């Protein structure tokens, strides 16, 4: 059984491992070009650049809606994972991998507010509530001009 982490702090090594997993070990995240920009406790920021492969409407050149929802889902999953690490702590890379294997999206809601037009995009997320089995997160996607493109709420299995 995992031990509780009363201090609620995540080691910098655990944060770096989590970032590496999401950037390097998940092939779809590499396809999207996601780079973890900041991991601060349970808050996350992920950045990616616009590319032709990510266009949904070729006449406008904006992001595909599936790219937007996928990026928000990745950020929501990452903050849910960090909430799990914060709650239970991590003793080894194998322990972290075992915890990661239990993570899954239960529900994702995305509100598309503006067309995804821009050169670079940043998705940020934070935990609304983390229980024993489910974490609920909130995410936002902005372009380089800080225009809010989309918001999302996700529920993630963390046990």
C-alpha atoms as a PDB file:
ATOM      1  CA  UNK A   1       0.000   0.000   0.000  1.00  0.00           C
ATOM      2  CA  UNK A   2       1.292   3.457  -0.881  1.00  0.00           C
ATOM      3  CA  UNK A   3       2.286   5.699   1.973  1.00  0.00           C
ATOM      4  CA  UNK A   4       0.695   9.061   2.529  1.00  0.00           C
ATOM      5  CA  UNK A   5       2.765  12.153   1.846  1.00  0.00           C
ATOM      6  CA  UNK A   6       1.844  14.511   4.692  1.00  0.00           C
ATOM      7  CA  UNK A   7       4.088  17.322   3.467  1.00  0.00           C
ATOM      8  CA  UNK A   8       2.277  17.372   0.114  1.00  0.00           C
ATOM      9  CA  UNK A   9       5.547  18.138  -1.664  1.00  0.00           C
ATOM     10  CA  UNK A  10       6.667  16.432  -4.833  1.00  0.00           C
ATOM     11  CA  UNK A  11      10.408  16.005  -5.284  1.00  0.00           C
ATOM     12  CA  UNK A  12      12.012  17.780  -8.213  1.00  0.00           C
ATOM     13  CA  UNK A  13      13.159  14.372  -9.522  1.00  0.00           C
ATOM     14  CA  UNK A  14       9.555  13.103  -9.528  1.00  0.00           C
ATOM     15  CA  UNK A  15       8.457  16.258 -11.376  1.00  0.00           C
ATOM     16  CA  UNK A  16      11.197  15.809 -13.983  1.00  0.00           C
ATOM     17  CA  UNK A  17      10.284  12.139 -14.415  1.00  0.00           C
ATOM     18  CA  UNK A  18       6.618  13.054 -14.914  1.00  0.00           C
ATOM     19  CA  UNK A  19       7.569  15.678 -17.505  1.00  0.00           C
ATOM     20  CA  UNK A  20       9.812  13.207 -19.344  1.00  0.00           C
ATOM     21  CA  UNK A  21       7.064  10.578 -19.415  1.00  0.00           C
ATOM     22  CA  UNK A  22       4.559  12.987 -20.932  1.00  0.00           C
ATOM     23  CA  UNK A  23       7.029  14.495 -23.430  1.00  0.00           C
ATOM     24  CA  UNK A  24       9.096  11.505 -24.502  1.00  0.00           C
ATOM     25  CA  UNK A  25       7.407   8.219 -23.654  1.00  0.00           C
ATOM     26  CA  UNK A  26       3.914   8.913 -24.983  1.00  0.00           C
ATOM     27  CA  UNK A  27       4.190   8.793 -28.789  1.00  0.00           C
ATOM     28  CA  UNK A  28       1.040  10.855 -29.436  1.00  0.00           C
ATOM     29  CA  UNK A  29       2.390  13.712 -27.313  1.00  0.00           C
ATOM     30  CA  UNK A  30       5.536  13.699 -29.482  1.00  0.00           C
ATOM     31  CA  UNK A  31       3.346  13.854 -32.612  1.00  0.00           C
ATOM     32  CA  UNK A  32       1.644  16.936 -31.171  1.00  0.00           C
ATOM     33  CA  UNK A  33       5.036  18.444 -30.293  1.00  0.00           C
ATOM     34  CA  UNK A  34       4.160  19.013 -26.633  1.00  0.00           C
ATOM     35  CA  UNK A  35       6.824  20.448 -24.332  1.00  0.00           C
ATOM     36  CA  UNK A  36       6.269  20.765 -20.602  1.00  0.00           C
ATOM     37  CA  UNK A  37       7.060  24.402 -19.881  1.00  0.00           C
ATOM     38  CA  UNK A  38       6.435  24.447 -16.149  1.00  0.00           C
ATOM     39  CA  UNK A  39       5.506  22.074 -13.363  1.00  0.00           C
ATOM     40  CA  UNK A  40       4.809  23.952 -10.178  1.00  0.00           C
ATOM     41  CA  UNK A  41       3.351  21.680  -7.547  1.00  0.00           C
ATOM     42  CA  UNK A  42       0.082  20.656  -9.169  1.00  0.00           C
ATOM     43  CA  UNK A  43      -0.079  23.462 -11.764  1.00  0.00           C
ATOM     44  CA  UNK A  44       1.158  22.659 -15.263  1.00  0.00           C
ATOM     45  CA  UNK A  45       1.878  24.568 -18.475  1.00  0.00           C
ATOM     46  CA  UNK A  46       2.494  22.778 -21.783  1.00  0.00           C
ATOM     47  CA  UNK A  47       3.565  24.554 -24.975  1.00  0.00           C
ATOM     48  CA  UNK A  48       3.453  23.539 -28.635  1.00  0.00           C
ATOM     49  CA  UNK A  49       3.990  25.202 -32.001  1.00  0.00           C
ATOM     50  CA  UNK A  50       1.555  25.436 -34.883  1.00  0.00           C
ATOM     51  CA  UNK A  51       2.409  23.111 -37.768  1.00  0.00           C
ATOM     52  CA  UNK A  52       0.644  22.224 -41.016  1.00  0.00           C
ATOM     53  CA  UNK A  53      -0.132  18.746 -39.628  1.00  0.00           C
ATOM     54  CA  UNK A  54      -2.252  20.289 -36.848  1.00  0.00           C
ATOM     55  CA  UNK A  55      -4.537  22.369 -39.104  1.00  0.00           C
ATOM     56  CA  UNK A  56      -8.238  21.527 -39.061  1.00  0.00           C
ATOM     57  CA  UNK A  57      -9.678  24.183 -41.365  1.00  0.00           C
ATOM     58  CA  UNK A  58      -7.310  24.576 -44.315  1.00  0.00           C
ATOM     59  CA  UNK A  59      -8.967  27.816 -45.474  1.00  0.00           C
ATOM     60  CA  UNK A  60      -8.381  29.548 -42.115  1.00  0.00           C
ATOM     61  CA  UNK A  61      -5.319  27.618 -41.007  1.00  0.00           C
ATOM     62  CA  UNK A  62      -6.552  27.102 -37.455  1.00  0.00           C
ATOM     63  CA  UNK A  63      -5.954  24.185 -35.095  1.00  0.00           C
ATOM     64  CA  UNK A  64      -8.033  21.065 -35.519  1.00  0.00           C
ATOM     65  CA  UNK A  65     -10.575  20.660 -32.715  1.00  0.00           C
ATOM     66  CA  UNK A  66      -9.178  17.211 -31.984  1.00  0.00           C
ATOM     67  CA  UNK A  67      -5.742  18.721 -31.370  1.00  0.00           C
ATOM     68  CA  UNK A  68      -7.268  21.214 -28.945  1.00  0.00           C
ATOM     69  CA  UNK A  69      -9.175  18.542 -27.018  1.00  0.00           C
ATOM     70  CA  UNK A  70      -6.169  16.204 -27.005  1.00  0.00           C
ATOM     71  CA  UNK A  71      -3.845  18.863 -25.615  1.00  0.00           C
ATOM     72  CA  UNK A  72      -6.350  19.774 -22.906  1.00  0.00           C
ATOM     73  CA  UNK A  73      -6.719  16.077 -22.052  1.00  0.00           C
ATOM     74  CA  UNK A  74      -2.931  15.647 -21.775  1.00  0.00           C
ATOM     75  CA  UNK A  75      -2.657  18.641 -19.442  1.00  0.00           C
ATOM     76  CA  UNK A  76      -5.599  17.453 -17.348  1.00  0.00           C
ATOM     77  CA  UNK A  77      -4.073  13.985 -17.086  1.00  0.00           C
ATOM     78  CA  UNK A  78      -0.704  15.407 -16.097  1.00  0.00           C
ATOM     79  CA  UNK A  79      -2.115  17.546 -13.287  1.00  0.00           C
ATOM     80  CA  UNK A  80      -4.204  14.581 -12.088  1.00  0.00           C
ATOM     81  CA  UNK A  81      -1.032  12.462 -12.060  1.00  0.00           C
ATOM     82  CA  UNK A  82       0.828  15.127 -10.094  1.00  0.00           C
ATOM     83  CA  UNK A  83      -2.046  15.233  -7.587  1.00  0.00           C
ATOM     84  CA  UNK A  84      -1.669  11.476  -7.144  1.00  0.00           C
ATOM     85  CA  UNK A  85       2.097  11.791  -6.619  1.00  0.00           C
ATOM     86  CA  UNK A  86       1.544  14.636  -4.184  1.00  0.00           C
ATOM     87  CA  UNK A  87      -0.931  12.595  -2.173  1.00  0.00           C
ATOM     88  CA  UNK A  88       0.956   9.290  -2.086  1.00  0.00           C
ATOM     89  CA  UNK A  89       4.553  10.224  -2.709  1.00  0.00           C
ATOM     90  CA  UNK A  90       6.861   8.225  -4.924  1.00  0.00           C
ATOM     91  CA  UNK A  91       9.687   5.948  -3.866  1.00  0.00           C
ATOM     92  CA  UNK A  92      11.172   4.919  -7.219  1.00  0.00           C
ATOM     93  CA  UNK A  93      10.787   5.230 -10.974  1.00  0.00           C
ATOM     94  CA  UNK A  94       9.063   1.821 -10.956  1.00  0.00           C
ATOM     95  CA  UNK A  95       6.643   3.054  -8.285  1.00  0.00           C
ATOM     96  CA  UNK A  96       5.894   6.127 -10.399  1.00  0.00           C
ATOM     97  CA  UNK A  97       5.331   3.961 -13.508  1.00  0.00           C
ATOM     98  CA  UNK A  98       2.944   1.733 -11.540  1.00  0.00           C
ATOM     99  CA  UNK A  99       0.951   4.795 -10.431  1.00  0.00           C
ATOM    100  CA  UNK A 100       0.946   6.156 -14.004  1.00  0.00           C
ATOM    101  CA  UNK A 101      -0.499   2.860 -15.287  1.00  0.00           C
ATOM    102  CA  UNK A 102      -3.644   3.514 -13.225  1.00  0.00           C
ATOM    103  CA  UNK A 103      -4.305   6.933 -14.764  1.00  0.00           C
ATOM    104  CA  UNK A 104      -7.174   7.196 -17.245  1.00  0.00           C
ATOM    105  CA  UNK A 105      -9.622   9.741 -18.612  1.00  0.00           C
ATOM    106  CA  UNK A 106     -13.173   9.238 -17.362  1.00  0.00           C
ATOM    107  CA  UNK A 107     -14.773  12.342 -18.844  1.00  0.00           C
ATOM    108  CA  UNK A 108     -13.624  15.380 -20.794  1.00  0.00           C
ATOM    109  CA  UNK A 109     -15.628  18.473 -21.606  1.00  0.00           C
ATOM    110  CA  UNK A 110     -14.219  21.089 -23.977  1.00  0.00           C
ATOM    111  CA  UNK A 111     -15.679  24.498 -24.768  1.00  0.00           C
ATOM    112  CA  UNK A 112     -14.235  25.974 -27.966  1.00  0.00           C
ATOM    113  CA  UNK A 113     -14.279  29.747 -27.531  1.00  0.00           C
ATOM    114  CA  UNK A 114     -12.278  31.026 -30.525  1.00  0.00           C
ATOM    115  CA  UNK A 115     -10.664  29.525 -33.612  1.00  0.00           C
ATOM    116  CA  UNK A 116      -7.211  28.165 -32.787  1.00  0.00           C
ATOM    117  CA  UNK A 117      -5.225  30.747 -34.704  1.00  0.00           C
ATOM    118  CA  UNK A 118      -1.655  31.436 -33.696  1.00  0.00           C
ATOM    119  CA  UNK A 119       2.000  30.510 -33.980  1.00  0.00           C
ATOM    120  CA  UNK A 120       2.435  28.951 -30.534  1.00  0.00           C
ATOM    121  CA  UNK A 121      -0.013  27.736 -27.942  1.00  0.00           C
ATOM    122  CA  UNK A 122       0.135  27.196 -24.209  1.00  0.00           C
ATOM    123  CA  UNK A 123      -2.198  24.926 -22.257  1.00  0.00           C
ATOM    124  CA  UNK A 124      -2.389  25.317 -18.493  1.00  0.00           C
ATOM    125  CA  UNK A 125      -4.142  23.183 -15.957  1.00  0.00           C
ATOM    126  CA  UNK A 126      -4.806  22.759 -12.279  1.00  0.00           C
ATOM    127  CA  UNK A 127      -6.669  20.381  -9.990  1.00  0.00           C
ATOM    128  CA  UNK A 128     -10.135  21.340  -8.825  1.00  0.00           C
ATOM    129  CA  UNK A 129     -10.434  18.307  -6.539  1.00  0.00           C
ATOM    130  CA  UNK A 130      -8.472  15.113  -6.040  1.00  0.00           C
ATOM    131  CA  UNK A 131     -10.180  12.306  -4.153  1.00  0.00           C
ATOM    132  CA  UNK A 132      -9.068   8.740  -3.500  1.00  0.00           C
ATOM    133  CA  UNK A 133     -10.184   7.461  -6.901  1.00  0.00           C
ATOM    134  CA  UNK A 134     -10.953  10.459  -9.125  1.00  0.00           C
ATOM    135  CA  UNK A 135      -9.296  13.804  -9.812  1.00  0.00           C
ATOM    136  CA  UNK A 136     -11.175  16.663 -11.477  1.00  0.00           C
ATOM    137  CA  UNK A 137      -9.129  19.231 -13.368  1.00  0.00           C
ATOM    138  CA  UNK A 138      -9.566  22.526 -15.207  1.00  0.00           C
ATOM    139  CA  UNK A 139      -7.575  23.438 -18.316  1.00  0.00           C
ATOM    140  CA  UNK A 140      -7.193  26.443 -20.625  1.00  0.00           C
ATOM    141  CA  UNK A 141      -5.565  26.867 -24.042  1.00  0.00           C
ATOM    142  CA  UNK A 142      -4.158  30.255 -25.067  1.00  0.00           C
ATOM    143  CA  UNK A 143      -2.245  31.435 -28.118  1.00  0.00           C
ATOM    144  CA  UNK A 144       0.881  33.617 -28.017  1.00  0.00           C
ATOM    145  CA  UNK A 145      -1.305  36.759 -27.897  1.00  0.00           C
ATOM    146  CA  UNK A 146      -2.902  35.304 -24.734  1.00  0.00           C
ATOM    147  CA  UNK A 147      -6.289  34.904 -26.466  1.00  0.00           C
ATOM    148  CA  UNK A 148      -8.315  32.204 -24.740  1.00  0.00           C
ATOM    149  CA  UNK A 149      -8.984  29.544 -27.398  1.00  0.00           C
ATOM    150  CA  UNK A 150     -10.675  26.822 -25.349  1.00  0.00           C
ATOM    151  CA  UNK A 151     -11.347  25.648 -21.807  1.00  0.00           C
ATOM    152  CA  UNK A 152     -11.857  22.146 -20.521  1.00  0.00           C
ATOM    153  CA  UNK A 153     -12.818  20.173 -17.475  1.00  0.00           C
ATOM    154  CA  UNK A 154     -11.673  16.594 -17.061  1.00  0.00           C
ATOM    155  CA  UNK A 155     -12.284  13.735 -14.685  1.00  0.00           C
ATOM    156  CA  UNK A 156      -9.467  11.193 -14.332  1.00  0.00           C
ATOM    157  CA  UNK A 157      -9.231   7.828 -12.627  1.00  0.00           C
ATOM    158  CA  UNK A 158      -6.215   7.893 -10.301  1.00  0.00           C
ATOM    159  CA  UNK A 159      -6.516   4.573  -8.478  1.00  0.00           C
END
